[in-house]
């Protein structure tokens, strides 16, 4: 029988694996450079929230792609990824 500490350690390890995967995969959703900011786990909704900000070179990349228009990149994007039950898959 596993102890509570063992189970918490397993959960922490899984959350760290998800964080690492999100840091690798989320930037691929964009056609310009972004930086993955905060990644937080919400146990109540069994989800992970991620903030994404354009990197320092994103304005120039977007401007070039859009034909030289002036691009402002203030703000952040937020995403929430919910975990699926493995039994439901």
Protein backbone atom coordinates (compact mmCIF):
# COMPACT_ATOMS: atom_id res chain seq x y z
CA UNK A 1 0.00 0.00 0.00
CA UNK A 2 1.47 3.35 -0.99
CA UNK A 3 1.74 6.20 1.44
CA UNK A 4 0.31 9.66 0.94
CA UNK A 5 3.85 10.99 0.44
CA UNK A 6 4.45 8.45 -2.34
CA UNK A 7 1.20 9.41 -4.06
CA UNK A 8 1.95 13.14 -3.77
CA UNK A 9 5.40 12.54 -5.19
CA UNK A 10 3.88 10.65 -8.13
CA UNK A 11 1.42 13.48 -8.80
CA UNK A 12 4.19 16.10 -8.60
CA UNK A 13 6.27 14.09 -11.05
CA UNK A 14 3.35 13.83 -13.48
CA UNK A 15 2.65 17.59 -13.24
CA UNK A 16 6.33 18.34 -13.92
CA UNK A 17 6.19 16.05 -16.98
CA UNK A 18 3.11 17.92 -18.25
CA UNK A 19 4.82 21.28 -17.67
CA UNK A 20 7.87 20.17 -19.63
CA UNK A 21 5.71 18.88 -22.47
CA UNK A 22 3.69 22.12 -22.61
CA UNK A 23 6.87 24.23 -22.70
CA UNK A 24 8.01 22.16 -25.70
CA UNK A 25 4.72 21.87 -27.60
CA UNK A 26 2.76 25.10 -27.05
CA UNK A 27 5.20 27.31 -29.04
CA UNK A 28 4.58 25.06 -32.07
CA UNK A 29 0.98 26.39 -32.22
CA UNK A 30 2.27 29.78 -33.34
CA UNK A 31 3.95 30.98 -36.51
CA UNK A 32 6.05 33.44 -34.51
CA UNK A 33 8.30 33.11 -31.47
CA UNK A 34 6.55 32.94 -28.12
CA UNK A 35 7.64 32.39 -24.56
CA UNK A 36 5.65 30.09 -22.29
CA UNK A 37 5.14 31.88 -18.99
CA UNK A 38 3.30 30.57 -15.95
CA UNK A 39 2.07 27.00 -15.90
CA UNK A 40 -0.25 26.25 -12.98
CA UNK A 41 -2.11 23.09 -12.02
CA UNK A 42 -5.68 23.41 -10.73
CA UNK A 43 -6.62 20.31 -8.75
CA UNK A 44 -10.28 21.35 -8.47
CA UNK A 45 -10.82 21.24 -12.23
CA UNK A 46 -7.97 18.79 -12.96
CA UNK A 47 -6.50 21.21 -15.47
CA UNK A 48 -3.32 23.07 -16.29
CA UNK A 49 -3.36 26.77 -17.21
CA UNK A 50 -0.64 28.24 -19.42
CA UNK A 51 0.20 31.83 -20.29
CA UNK A 52 2.00 32.64 -23.53
CA UNK A 53 3.71 35.90 -24.45
CA UNK A 54 5.22 36.95 -27.76
CA UNK A 55 9.02 36.84 -27.59
CA UNK A 56 11.17 39.89 -28.23
CA UNK A 57 11.46 39.03 -31.94
CA UNK A 58 7.77 38.32 -32.51
CA UNK A 59 6.82 41.86 -33.59
CA UNK A 60 9.43 41.86 -36.34
CA UNK A 61 8.44 38.35 -37.47
CA UNK A 62 4.76 39.30 -37.61
CA UNK A 63 5.47 42.61 -39.33
CA UNK A 64 7.53 40.85 -42.02
CA UNK A 65 4.85 38.19 -42.49
CA UNK A 66 2.09 40.81 -42.79
CA UNK A 67 3.93 42.98 -45.30
CA UNK A 68 5.55 45.55 -43.03
CA UNK A 69 2.57 46.65 -40.95
CA UNK A 70 3.18 47.99 -37.45
CA UNK A 71 2.51 45.23 -34.91
CA UNK A 72 1.84 45.76 -31.20
CA UNK A 73 2.29 42.76 -28.92
CA UNK A 74 1.02 43.93 -25.55
CA UNK A 75 -0.58 41.33 -23.34
CA UNK A 76 -0.64 37.60 -22.88
CA UNK A 77 -2.66 34.68 -24.15
CA UNK A 78 -4.05 32.15 -21.70
CA UNK A 79 -4.90 28.51 -22.29
CA UNK A 80 -6.45 25.89 -20.04
CA UNK A 81 -5.83 22.21 -20.75
CA UNK A 82 -8.09 19.73 -18.96
CA UNK A 83 -6.88 16.24 -18.20
CA UNK A 84 -8.99 13.38 -19.51
CA UNK A 85 -9.85 10.38 -17.39
CA UNK A 86 -7.83 7.43 -18.60
CA UNK A 87 -10.91 5.22 -18.17
CA UNK A 88 -12.91 7.43 -20.54
CA UNK A 89 -10.34 7.22 -23.35
